[in-house]
Every structure is written in structure tokens, then in C-alpha cells.
């Protein structure tokens, strides 16, 4: 799968289709992100001044395509099978091979889709793909300590809390501490 064209990559679950972003996804992406802005901003890096503009989308799409082609990151948008609406996104970031064989996971869900188990489903599929198709051995996630819903999603997928990282990421314009969780391939049922 490494090096697969960005326009061909899809992963499927019972309720979702995960696929690499396409130029034509801009309207759905910007609408869902705008409708969910109050929900998303407290947990994400500061949004650029032109967040959700076509130029912002073009920059993101270019960066995603470059890292996807290089195999160092894989960004997927999550679409509902029924109705076809965008519900959120999942990503593998900082993919490393060699003896490390690891990556970090990231994800976001539109506010109107919370509480339906969709992110657990999407993240579970992403992790399965990372272990089976990319042959990674370890996945990590960092979560703000107060983000109980995100912690619960990770735990339902099988991530275990491993530690606490001070000043781990910049969220909302300032460095924030994060709970660190990990999932290793050996933990999965065979």
C-alpha cells in the first residue's frame, strides 16, 4: 500500500468509507468544520486566519498529498455509507519505518455526529490498516487530560494509557500537557 496513489486509497467499515481527501471535498469539509468549530477549536492547534477558505484547503490538500506519497502520513476523510455525508477525519502522522515501525494517530469528528460510535469505528479501521497493511508495530496518541470523550474512544479501540507529556503540543495557541496512550500490534487478538 505504501506509495499507492492518493486518489485510490479507501478503507471501509460497516457504516463508513474512509478515503484520501479530494479537491471536490472542499465544500463538505469546510461546512462540517465551520458547523463544528466551537466543538473542535478547544482541542486543536490554533486555526489559521484564513481557516476554511479555499486557499487553506489547497494548502492542506497539497501537504497531505505530499506526505501520503512519501508514506510519512495518511489522512482520511470519513464519509457515512448511508447518506454520503462527511462525518470527520482520521490520520496517521509521523509514520516511521525501520526498527521503530510506528506512527501517531489523530482524528476529529463533526459535532452533529458525536455519540454514535463513528469515531471508534473509523479509528479502529485505521489502526487495523496500519498494523496489517503498513506492518507498523506501535501507534500512539496524545490527548488533553480533560478530553474525556477522546480518551474513551482511544480506550474502546484498545489504546492503553502510558504516561503524561508536559507541554506536548500547541493547542489553541499555547503549549498543553497531554495524556499519552499507545496501542501495540501484539495487544490485538489474533
N, C-alpha and C. Protein backbone atom coordinates (compact mmCIF):
# COMPACT_ATOMS: atom_id res chain seq x y z
N UNK A 1 0.80 -1.20 0.00
CA UNK A 1 0.00 0.00 0.00
C UNK A 1 0.84 1.26 0.00
N UNK A 2 2.08 1.19 0.47
CA UNK A 2 2.92 2.38 0.51
C UNK A 2 3.12 2.87 -0.92
N UNK A 3 2.97 4.16 -1.11
CA UNK A 3 3.15 4.75 -2.42
C UNK A 3 1.91 4.65 -3.30
N UNK A 4 0.81 4.09 -2.78
CA UNK A 4 -0.41 4.00 -3.57
C UNK A 4 -0.90 5.40 -3.90
N UNK A 5 -1.43 5.60 -5.10
CA UNK A 5 -1.92 6.93 -5.46
C UNK A 5 -2.97 7.41 -4.46
N UNK A 6 -2.90 8.70 -4.12
CA UNK A 6 -3.79 9.25 -3.11
C UNK A 6 -5.25 9.08 -3.49
N UNK A 7 -5.57 9.07 -4.75
CA UNK A 7 -6.97 9.01 -5.16
C UNK A 7 -7.54 7.61 -5.11
N UNK A 8 -6.71 6.60 -4.88
CA UNK A 8 -7.18 5.23 -4.85
C UNK A 8 -7.40 4.68 -3.45
N UNK A 9 -6.90 5.32 -2.44
CA UNK A 9 -6.91 4.74 -1.11
C UNK A 9 -8.26 4.90 -0.43
N UNK A 10 -8.92 3.78 -0.14
CA UNK A 10 -10.15 3.79 0.64
C UNK A 10 -10.11 2.63 1.63
N UNK A 11 -10.71 2.86 2.77
CA UNK A 11 -10.90 1.83 3.79
C UNK A 11 -12.39 1.84 4.11
N UNK A 12 -12.96 0.68 4.36
CA UNK A 12 -14.40 0.61 4.59
C UNK A 12 -14.72 -0.11 5.88
N UNK A 13 -15.77 0.39 6.54
CA UNK A 13 -16.34 -0.26 7.73
C UNK A 13 -17.82 -0.48 7.44
N UNK A 14 -18.53 -0.98 8.42
CA UNK A 14 -19.97 -1.20 8.22
C UNK A 14 -20.71 0.08 7.89
N UNK A 15 -20.33 1.18 8.55
CA UNK A 15 -21.08 2.43 8.36
C UNK A 15 -20.31 3.54 7.67
N UNK A 16 -19.01 3.33 7.42
CA UNK A 16 -18.17 4.42 6.92
C UNK A 16 -17.31 4.02 5.73
N UNK A 17 -16.99 5.02 4.95
CA UNK A 17 -15.96 4.90 3.92
C UNK A 17 -14.90 5.94 4.26
N UNK A 18 -13.68 5.49 4.47
CA UNK A 18 -12.56 6.38 4.74
C UNK A 18 -11.77 6.48 3.46
N UNK A 19 -11.53 7.70 3.00
CA UNK A 19 -10.73 7.86 1.79
C UNK A 19 -9.92 9.13 1.85
N UNK A 20 -8.83 9.10 1.06
CA UNK A 20 -7.98 10.27 0.97
C UNK A 20 -8.80 11.45 0.46
N UNK A 21 -8.53 12.64 0.98
CA UNK A 21 -9.26 13.84 0.53
C UNK A 21 -9.03 14.14 -0.95
N UNK A 22 -10.04 14.68 -1.57
CA UNK A 22 -10.00 15.09 -2.99
C UNK A 22 -10.36 16.56 -3.08
N UNK A 23 -9.96 17.19 -4.14
CA UNK A 23 -10.26 18.61 -4.34
C UNK A 23 -11.74 18.91 -4.18
N UNK A 24 -12.57 18.06 -4.71
CA UNK A 24 -14.02 18.30 -4.69
C UNK A 24 -14.64 18.17 -3.30
N UNK A 25 -13.87 17.74 -2.30
CA UNK A 25 -14.38 17.58 -0.94
C UNK A 25 -14.41 18.90 -0.17
N UNK A 26 -13.90 19.96 -0.77
CA UNK A 26 -13.78 21.23 -0.05
C UNK A 26 -15.09 21.69 0.59
N UNK A 27 -16.17 21.72 -0.17
CA UNK A 27 -17.43 22.28 0.35
C UNK A 27 -17.92 21.49 1.57
N UNK A 28 -17.89 20.18 1.50
CA UNK A 28 -18.35 19.35 2.63
C UNK A 28 -17.43 19.53 3.84
N UNK A 29 -16.12 19.56 3.58
CA UNK A 29 -15.15 19.72 4.66
C UNK A 29 -15.31 21.07 5.35
N UNK A 30 -15.36 22.14 4.57
CA UNK A 30 -15.44 23.48 5.17
C UNK A 30 -16.77 23.67 5.90
N UNK A 31 -17.84 23.13 5.37
CA UNK A 31 -19.15 23.26 6.03
C UNK A 31 -19.17 22.52 7.37
N UNK A 32 -18.68 21.27 7.38
CA UNK A 32 -18.69 20.50 8.63
C UNK A 32 -17.75 21.12 9.66
N UNK A 33 -16.57 21.56 9.22
CA UNK A 33 -15.63 22.18 10.16
C UNK A 33 -16.21 23.49 10.71
N UNK A 34 -16.87 24.29 9.86
CA UNK A 34 -17.47 25.54 10.33
C UNK A 34 -18.61 25.25 11.32
N UNK A 35 -19.46 24.30 10.98
CA UNK A 35 -20.58 23.95 11.86
C UNK A 35 -20.09 23.39 13.18
N UNK A 36 -18.88 22.83 13.21
CA UNK A 36 -18.32 22.18 14.40
C UNK A 36 -17.22 22.99 15.06
N UNK A 37 -17.02 24.19 14.62
CA UNK A 37 -15.88 24.99 15.08
C UNK A 37 -15.82 25.13 16.60
N UNK A 38 -16.93 25.46 17.23
CA UNK A 38 -16.93 25.62 18.69
C UNK A 38 -16.56 24.32 19.40
N UNK A 39 -16.94 23.21 18.81
CA UNK A 39 -16.61 21.90 19.37
C UNK A 39 -15.14 21.53 19.15
N UNK A 40 -14.58 21.87 18.00
CA UNK A 40 -13.24 21.43 17.62
C UNK A 40 -12.11 22.32 18.14
N UNK A 41 -12.31 23.63 18.11
CA UNK A 41 -11.21 24.55 18.43
C UNK A 41 -10.54 24.33 19.79
N UNK A 42 -11.27 23.97 20.84
CA UNK A 42 -10.58 23.79 22.13
C UNK A 42 -9.59 22.63 22.15
N UNK A 43 -9.64 21.75 21.15
CA UNK A 43 -8.80 20.55 21.14
C UNK A 43 -7.80 20.51 20.00
N UNK A 44 -7.69 21.59 19.23
CA UNK A 44 -6.82 21.59 18.05
C UNK A 44 -5.83 22.74 18.09
N UNK A 45 -4.77 22.61 17.29
CA UNK A 45 -3.87 23.77 17.14
C UNK A 45 -4.67 24.98 16.66
N UNK A 46 -4.16 26.17 16.93
CA UNK A 46 -4.86 27.40 16.54
C UNK A 46 -5.17 27.37 15.04
N UNK A 47 -6.38 27.72 14.70
CA UNK A 47 -6.78 27.74 13.30
C UNK A 47 -6.14 28.94 12.62
N UNK A 48 -5.68 28.81 11.38
CA UNK A 48 -5.10 29.96 10.69
C UNK A 48 -6.16 31.03 10.44
N UNK A 49 -5.70 32.24 10.18
CA UNK A 49 -6.61 33.36 9.94
C UNK A 49 -7.58 33.04 8.81
N UNK A 50 -7.09 32.34 7.79
CA UNK A 50 -7.94 32.00 6.65
C UNK A 50 -8.51 30.58 6.74
N UNK A 51 -8.66 30.07 7.96
CA UNK A 51 -9.21 28.72 8.14
C UNK A 51 -10.50 28.57 7.36
N UNK A 52 -10.62 27.43 6.71
CA UNK A 52 -11.81 27.03 5.96
C UNK A 52 -11.94 27.72 4.61
N UNK A 53 -10.99 28.56 4.24
CA UNK A 53 -11.02 29.18 2.92
C UNK A 53 -10.54 28.17 1.87
N UNK A 54 -10.80 28.45 0.62
CA UNK A 54 -10.30 27.59 -0.46
C UNK A 54 -8.78 27.52 -0.45
N UNK A 55 -8.13 28.63 -0.13
CA UNK A 55 -6.67 28.64 -0.07
C UNK A 55 -6.16 27.74 1.06
N UNK A 56 -6.81 27.79 2.21
CA UNK A 56 -6.47 26.90 3.32
C UNK A 56 -6.62 25.45 2.88
N UNK A 57 -7.73 25.13 2.20
CA UNK A 57 -7.96 23.78 1.70
C UNK A 57 -6.87 23.36 0.72
N UNK A 58 -6.49 24.24 -0.20
CA UNK A 58 -5.44 23.91 -1.17
C UNK A 58 -4.11 23.60 -0.48
N UNK A 59 -3.76 24.41 0.52
CA UNK A 59 -2.51 24.17 1.27
C UNK A 59 -2.55 22.81 1.97
N UNK A 60 -3.66 22.54 2.63
CA UNK A 60 -3.79 21.27 3.34
C UNK A 60 -3.71 20.10 2.36
N UNK A 61 -4.46 20.19 1.29
CA UNK A 61 -4.50 19.11 0.31
C UNK A 61 -3.11 18.85 -0.27
N UNK A 62 -2.39 19.90 -0.58
CA UNK A 62 -1.03 19.75 -1.11
C UNK A 62 -0.13 19.06 -0.08
N UNK A 63 -0.18 19.50 1.16
CA UNK A 63 0.64 18.89 2.21
C UNK A 63 0.25 17.43 2.43
N UNK A 64 -1.05 17.15 2.49
CA UNK A 64 -1.50 15.77 2.68
C UNK A 64 -1.03 14.88 1.54
N UNK A 65 -1.16 15.35 0.33
CA UNK A 65 -0.76 14.54 -0.83
C UNK A 65 0.74 14.26 -0.81
N UNK A 66 1.52 15.26 -0.45
CA UNK A 66 2.98 15.06 -0.40
C UNK A 66 3.36 14.02 0.65
N UNK A 67 2.77 14.10 1.83
CA UNK A 67 3.11 13.13 2.88
C UNK A 67 2.53 11.75 2.57
N UNK A 68 1.38 11.70 1.93
CA UNK A 68 0.81 10.41 1.55
C UNK A 68 1.68 9.73 0.51
N UNK A 69 2.13 10.48 -0.46
CA UNK A 69 3.01 9.90 -1.49
C UNK A 69 4.34 9.44 -0.89
N UNK A 70 4.83 10.17 0.11
CA UNK A 70 6.09 9.80 0.76
C UNK A 70 5.90 8.67 1.76
N UNK A 71 4.65 8.39 2.14
CA UNK A 71 4.37 7.33 3.10
C UNK A 71 4.60 7.75 4.54
N UNK A 72 4.75 9.04 4.81
CA UNK A 72 5.02 9.50 6.17
C UNK A 72 3.76 9.95 6.92
N UNK A 73 2.66 10.09 6.21
CA UNK A 73 1.38 10.41 6.84
C UNK A 73 0.27 9.97 5.90
N UNK A 74 -0.86 9.64 6.49
CA UNK A 74 -2.03 9.21 5.72
C UNK A 74 -3.26 9.85 6.35
N UNK A 75 -3.88 10.77 5.61
CA UNK A 75 -5.05 11.50 6.09
C UNK A 75 -6.27 10.97 5.33
N UNK A 76 -7.29 10.62 6.08
CA UNK A 76 -8.54 10.12 5.51
C UNK A 76 -9.70 10.98 5.97
N UNK A 77 -10.63 11.25 5.08
CA UNK A 77 -11.90 11.81 5.47
C UNK A 77 -12.87 10.65 5.64
N UNK A 78 -13.74 10.74 6.63
CA UNK A 78 -14.70 9.68 6.95
C UNK A 78 -16.08 10.10 6.46
N UNK A 79 -16.65 9.28 5.59
CA UNK A 79 -17.95 9.55 4.97
C UNK A 79 -18.94 8.47 5.38
N UNK A 80 -20.16 8.86 5.71
CA UNK A 80 -21.21 7.90 6.06
C UNK A 80 -21.62 7.13 4.81
N UNK A 81 -21.70 5.81 4.94
CA UNK A 81 -22.18 4.99 3.81
C UNK A 81 -23.62 5.38 3.47
N UNK A 82 -24.44 5.51 4.50
CA UNK A 82 -25.84 5.88 4.30
C UNK A 82 -25.93 7.40 4.27
N UNK A 83 -26.32 7.95 3.18
CA UNK A 83 -26.46 9.40 3.05
C UNK A 83 -25.25 10.09 2.46
N UNK A 84 -24.06 9.51 2.61
CA UNK A 84 -22.85 10.04 1.99
C UNK A 84 -22.29 11.31 2.58
N UNK A 85 -22.74 11.72 3.78
CA UNK A 85 -22.23 12.96 4.34
C UNK A 85 -20.88 12.74 5.04
N UNK A 86 -20.07 13.79 5.03
CA UNK A 86 -18.80 13.79 5.74
C UNK A 86 -19.09 13.85 7.23
N UNK A 87 -18.40 12.98 8.00
CA UNK A 87 -18.61 12.97 9.45
C UNK A 87 -17.37 13.39 10.22
N UNK A 88 -16.17 13.30 9.61
CA UNK A 88 -14.94 13.66 10.32
C UNK A 88 -13.72 13.20 9.55
N UNK A 89 -12.64 12.99 10.28
CA UNK A 89 -11.40 12.56 9.65
C UNK A 89 -10.49 11.84 10.63
N UNK A 90 -9.63 10.99 10.09
CA UNK A 90 -8.63 10.27 10.87
C UNK A 90 -7.31 10.35 10.14
N UNK A 91 -6.21 10.22 10.88
CA UNK A 91 -4.90 10.33 10.24
C UNK A 91 -3.85 9.53 10.99
N UNK A 92 -2.90 9.02 10.22
CA UNK A 92 -1.64 8.51 10.75
C UNK A 92 -0.62 9.58 10.45
N UNK A 93 0.09 10.04 11.46
CA UNK A 93 1.10 11.08 11.28
C UNK A 93 2.45 10.57 11.75
N UNK A 94 3.50 11.12 11.20
CA UNK A 94 4.85 10.77 11.63
C UNK A 94 5.14 9.29 11.49
N UNK A 95 4.72 8.70 10.38
CA UNK A 95 4.95 7.27 10.15
C UNK A 95 6.45 7.04 10.02
N UNK A 96 6.94 6.10 10.81
CA UNK A 96 8.37 5.76 10.78
C UNK A 96 8.51 4.26 10.57
N UNK A 97 9.47 3.91 9.76
CA UNK A 97 9.70 2.50 9.43
C UNK A 97 11.00 2.06 10.09
N UNK A 98 11.67 1.07 9.54
CA UNK A 98 12.89 0.56 10.15
C UNK A 98 12.55 -0.20 11.42
N UNK A 99 13.40 -0.08 12.40
CA UNK A 99 13.17 -0.82 13.64
C UNK A 99 12.07 -0.21 14.50
N UNK A 100 11.68 1.03 14.24
CA UNK A 100 10.65 1.70 15.05
C UNK A 100 9.24 1.26 14.63
N UNK A 101 8.93 1.34 13.36
CA UNK A 101 7.65 0.93 12.78
C UNK A 101 6.45 1.46 13.59
N UNK A 102 6.36 2.78 13.68
CA UNK A 102 5.32 3.40 14.49
C UNK A 102 4.74 4.64 13.82
N UNK A 103 3.66 5.13 14.40
CA UNK A 103 3.02 6.37 13.93
C UNK A 103 2.16 6.91 15.06
N UNK A 104 1.76 8.17 14.91
CA UNK A 104 0.80 8.80 15.81
C UNK A 104 -0.54 8.86 15.10
N UNK A 105 -1.61 8.76 15.86
CA UNK A 105 -2.94 8.88 15.27
C UNK A 105 -3.54 10.23 15.67
N UNK A 106 -4.34 10.75 14.79
CA UNK A 106 -5.10 11.96 15.04
C UNK A 106 -6.49 11.79 14.46
N UNK A 107 -7.45 12.54 14.96
CA UNK A 107 -8.82 12.37 14.48
C UNK A 107 -9.66 13.56 14.91
N UNK A 108 -10.75 13.76 14.21
CA UNK A 108 -11.73 14.77 14.56
C UNK A 108 -13.10 14.30 14.08
N UNK A 109 -14.13 14.73 14.76
CA UNK A 109 -15.49 14.33 14.43
C UNK A 109 -16.38 15.55 14.46
N UNK A 110 -17.23 15.68 13.45
CA UNK A 110 -18.19 16.79 13.42
C UNK A 110 -19.11 16.72 14.62
N UNK A 111 -19.47 17.86 15.16
CA UNK A 111 -20.26 17.94 16.38
C UNK A 111 -21.60 17.21 16.26
N UNK A 112 -22.21 17.21 15.11
CA UNK A 112 -23.52 16.57 14.95
C UNK A 112 -23.44 15.05 14.90
N UNK A 113 -22.23 14.49 14.92
CA UNK A 113 -22.06 13.04 14.82
C UNK A 113 -21.54 12.40 16.11
N UNK A 114 -21.42 13.20 17.16
CA UNK A 114 -20.92 12.70 18.44
C UNK A 114 -21.91 11.71 19.06
N UNK A 115 -21.36 10.71 19.73
CA UNK A 115 -22.18 9.78 20.48
C UNK A 115 -22.79 8.64 19.68
N UNK A 116 -22.32 8.44 18.44
CA UNK A 116 -22.86 7.38 17.59
C UNK A 116 -21.86 6.24 17.38
N UNK A 117 -20.68 6.35 17.98
CA UNK A 117 -19.66 5.31 17.81
C UNK A 117 -18.91 5.38 16.49
N UNK A 118 -19.12 6.44 15.74
CA UNK A 118 -18.49 6.54 14.42
C UNK A 118 -16.98 6.70 14.51
N UNK A 119 -16.48 7.48 15.47
CA UNK A 119 -15.04 7.66 15.56
C UNK A 119 -14.37 6.39 16.05
N UNK A 120 -15.00 5.66 16.94
CA UNK A 120 -14.44 4.38 17.38
C UNK A 120 -14.31 3.45 16.18
N UNK A 121 -15.32 3.43 15.33
CA UNK A 121 -15.31 2.60 14.13
C UNK A 121 -14.22 3.03 13.15
N UNK A 122 -14.12 4.33 12.91
CA UNK A 122 -13.12 4.86 11.97
C UNK A 122 -11.71 4.64 12.48
N UNK A 123 -11.47 4.95 13.74
CA UNK A 123 -10.13 4.80 14.31
C UNK A 123 -9.73 3.33 14.38
N UNK A 124 -10.68 2.47 14.72
CA UNK A 124 -10.39 1.04 14.74
C UNK A 124 -9.94 0.54 13.38
N UNK A 125 -10.61 0.99 12.32
CA UNK A 125 -10.24 0.58 10.96
C UNK A 125 -8.87 1.13 10.58
N UNK A 126 -8.60 2.39 10.94
CA UNK A 126 -7.29 2.98 10.64
C UNK A 126 -6.18 2.18 11.32
N UNK A 127 -6.38 1.81 12.57
CA UNK A 127 -5.37 1.05 13.31
C UNK A 127 -5.16 -0.33 12.69
N UNK A 128 -6.25 -0.97 12.33
CA UNK A 128 -6.16 -2.28 11.67
C UNK A 128 -5.33 -2.16 10.39
N UNK A 129 -5.61 -1.15 9.58
CA UNK A 129 -4.89 -0.93 8.33
C UNK A 129 -3.41 -0.66 8.60
N UNK A 130 -3.13 0.15 9.62
CA UNK A 130 -1.75 0.48 9.95
C UNK A 130 -0.96 -0.77 10.33
N UNK A 131 -1.57 -1.65 11.09
CA UNK A 131 -0.87 -2.87 11.52
C UNK A 131 -0.79 -3.90 10.39
N UNK A 132 -1.88 -4.11 9.70
CA UNK A 132 -1.92 -5.18 8.70
C UNK A 132 -1.29 -4.79 7.36
N UNK A 133 -1.59 -3.60 6.87
CA UNK A 133 -1.13 -3.21 5.54
C UNK A 133 0.20 -2.48 5.56
N UNK A 134 0.42 -1.64 6.55
CA UNK A 134 1.68 -0.91 6.63
C UNK A 134 2.71 -1.64 7.49
N UNK A 135 2.27 -2.69 8.17
CA UNK A 135 3.14 -3.51 9.02
C UNK A 135 3.77 -2.70 10.15
N UNK A 136 3.02 -1.72 10.68
CA UNK A 136 3.51 -0.98 11.83
C UNK A 136 3.35 -1.85 13.07
N UNK A 137 4.11 -1.52 14.10
CA UNK A 137 4.08 -2.30 15.33
C UNK A 137 3.52 -1.52 16.52
N UNK A 138 3.48 -0.19 16.39
CA UNK A 138 3.06 0.63 17.52
C UNK A 138 2.38 1.90 17.01
N UNK A 139 1.27 2.28 17.69
CA UNK A 139 0.58 3.52 17.42
C UNK A 139 0.47 4.29 18.72
N UNK A 140 0.56 5.60 18.63
CA UNK A 140 0.50 6.46 19.80
C UNK A 140 -0.54 7.55 19.59
N UNK A 141 -1.04 8.07 20.69
CA UNK A 141 -1.96 9.21 20.65
C UNK A 141 -1.72 10.07 21.87
N UNK A 142 -1.87 11.38 21.69
CA UNK A 142 -1.80 12.33 22.79
C UNK A 142 -3.14 13.03 22.90
N UNK A 143 -3.67 13.12 24.13
CA UNK A 143 -4.99 13.69 24.35
C UNK A 143 -4.94 14.65 25.53
N UNK A 144 -5.62 15.78 25.41
CA UNK A 144 -5.74 16.68 26.55
C UNK A 144 -6.40 15.93 27.71
N UNK A 145 -5.90 16.08 28.92
CA UNK A 145 -6.44 15.33 30.05
C UNK A 145 -7.94 15.52 30.27
N UNK A 146 -8.47 16.69 29.94
CA UNK A 146 -9.90 16.96 30.15
C UNK A 146 -10.80 16.46 29.02
N UNK A 147 -10.20 15.90 27.97
CA UNK A 147 -10.99 15.44 26.83
C UNK A 147 -11.44 13.99 27.05
N UNK A 148 -12.41 13.83 27.94
CA UNK A 148 -12.89 12.50 28.33
C UNK A 148 -13.44 11.70 27.15
N UNK A 149 -14.13 12.36 26.23
CA UNK A 149 -14.72 11.64 25.09
C UNK A 149 -13.64 11.06 24.20
N UNK A 150 -12.59 11.81 23.96
CA UNK A 150 -11.49 11.32 23.13
C UNK A 150 -10.73 10.19 23.82
N UNK A 151 -10.51 10.34 25.11
CA UNK A 151 -9.86 9.26 25.87
C UNK A 151 -10.69 7.99 25.79
N UNK A 152 -12.00 8.10 25.89
CA UNK A 152 -12.88 6.93 25.82
C UNK A 152 -12.82 6.26 24.45
N UNK A 153 -12.77 7.06 23.39
CA UNK A 153 -12.65 6.49 22.03
C UNK A 153 -11.37 5.65 21.94
N UNK A 154 -10.26 6.22 22.36
CA UNK A 154 -8.99 5.50 22.28
C UNK A 154 -9.02 4.22 23.10
N UNK A 155 -9.59 4.27 24.29
CA UNK A 155 -9.65 3.08 25.13
C UNK A 155 -10.55 2.01 24.52
N UNK A 156 -11.65 2.41 23.88
CA UNK A 156 -12.52 1.42 23.22
C UNK A 156 -11.80 0.73 22.07
N UNK A 157 -10.89 1.44 21.41
CA UNK A 157 -10.12 0.84 20.32
C UNK A 157 -9.02 -0.07 20.86
N UNK A 158 -8.63 0.12 22.11
CA UNK A 158 -7.61 -0.73 22.72
C UNK A 158 -6.36 -0.03 23.20
N UNK A 159 -6.30 1.29 23.01
CA UNK A 159 -5.15 2.06 23.47
C UNK A 159 -5.09 2.01 25.00
N UNK A 160 -3.88 1.99 25.52
CA UNK A 160 -3.68 1.99 26.96
C UNK A 160 -2.88 3.23 27.35
N UNK A 161 -3.25 3.81 28.49
CA UNK A 161 -2.52 4.98 28.97
C UNK A 161 -1.12 4.57 29.37
N UNK A 162 -0.13 5.34 28.89
CA UNK A 162 1.27 5.02 29.16
C UNK A 162 1.99 6.12 29.93
N UNK A 163 1.47 7.32 29.88
CA UNK A 163 2.18 8.37 30.57
C UNK A 163 1.55 9.72 30.37
N UNK A 164 2.34 10.72 30.72
CA UNK A 164 1.90 12.10 30.69
C UNK A 164 3.04 12.92 30.10
N UNK A 165 2.75 13.69 29.06
CA UNK A 165 3.78 14.51 28.41
C UNK A 165 3.51 15.98 28.68
N UNK A 166 4.43 16.62 29.37
CA UNK A 166 4.29 18.04 29.66
C UNK A 166 4.57 18.86 28.41
N UNK A 167 3.80 19.91 28.22
CA UNK A 167 3.99 20.83 27.11
C UNK A 167 4.15 20.09 25.78
N UNK A 168 3.28 19.13 25.54
CA UNK A 168 3.40 18.20 24.42
C UNK A 168 3.08 18.83 23.06
N UNK A 169 1.94 19.50 22.96
CA UNK A 169 1.51 20.09 21.69
C UNK A 169 0.97 21.49 21.92
N UNK A 170 1.01 22.27 20.86
CA UNK A 170 0.39 23.59 20.90
C UNK A 170 -1.08 23.43 20.52
N UNK A 171 -1.94 23.76 21.45
CA UNK A 171 -3.38 23.69 21.23
C UNK A 171 -3.96 25.08 21.52
N UNK A 172 -4.70 25.58 20.56
CA UNK A 172 -5.30 26.90 20.74
C UNK A 172 -4.29 28.00 21.00
N UNK A 173 -3.09 27.85 20.47
CA UNK A 173 -2.08 28.90 20.60
C UNK A 173 -1.17 28.80 21.81
N UNK A 174 -1.32 27.76 22.64
CA UNK A 174 -0.41 27.61 23.77
C UNK A 174 -0.05 26.14 23.97
N UNK A 175 1.14 25.92 24.54
CA UNK A 175 1.62 24.56 24.79
C UNK A 175 0.75 23.92 25.87
N UNK A 176 0.36 22.67 25.64
CA UNK A 176 -0.53 21.98 26.57
C UNK A 176 0.02 20.60 26.92
N UNK A 177 -0.20 20.19 28.15
CA UNK A 177 0.14 18.84 28.58
C UNK A 177 -0.86 17.85 27.96
N UNK A 178 -0.39 16.62 27.74
CA UNK A 178 -1.24 15.58 27.16
C UNK A 178 -1.05 14.26 27.87
N UNK A 179 -2.12 13.48 27.92
CA UNK A 179 -2.04 12.08 28.32
C UNK A 179 -1.57 11.32 27.09
N UNK A 180 -0.61 10.42 27.25
CA UNK A 180 -0.08 9.63 26.14
C UNK A 180 -0.60 8.21 26.24
N UNK A 181 -1.15 7.74 25.13
CA UNK A 181 -1.67 6.38 25.06
C UNK A 181 -0.99 5.64 23.92
N UNK A 182 -0.90 4.33 24.04
CA UNK A 182 -0.28 3.52 23.00
C UNK A 182 -1.07 2.26 22.72
N UNK A 183 -0.93 1.79 21.50
CA UNK A 183 -1.52 0.52 21.07
C UNK A 183 -0.43 -0.22 20.30
N UNK A 184 -0.15 -1.44 20.70
CA UNK A 184 0.87 -2.23 20.00
C UNK A 184 0.21 -3.42 19.33
N UNK A 185 0.78 -3.79 18.22
CA UNK A 185 0.23 -4.87 17.41
C UNK A 185 0.04 -6.15 18.22
N UNK A 186 0.97 -6.43 19.10
CA UNK A 186 0.92 -7.66 19.89
C UNK A 186 -0.29 -7.70 20.83
N UNK A 187 -0.89 -6.54 21.13
CA UNK A 187 -2.05 -6.49 22.00
C UNK A 187 -3.34 -6.90 21.31
N UNK A 188 -3.33 -6.90 19.99
CA UNK A 188 -4.55 -7.21 19.25
C UNK A 188 -4.83 -8.71 19.26
N UNK A 189 -6.11 -9.07 19.30
CA UNK A 189 -6.43 -10.51 19.24
C UNK A 189 -6.00 -11.08 17.90
N UNK A 190 -5.54 -12.32 17.92
CA UNK A 190 -5.11 -12.92 16.63
C UNK A 190 -6.23 -13.56 15.88
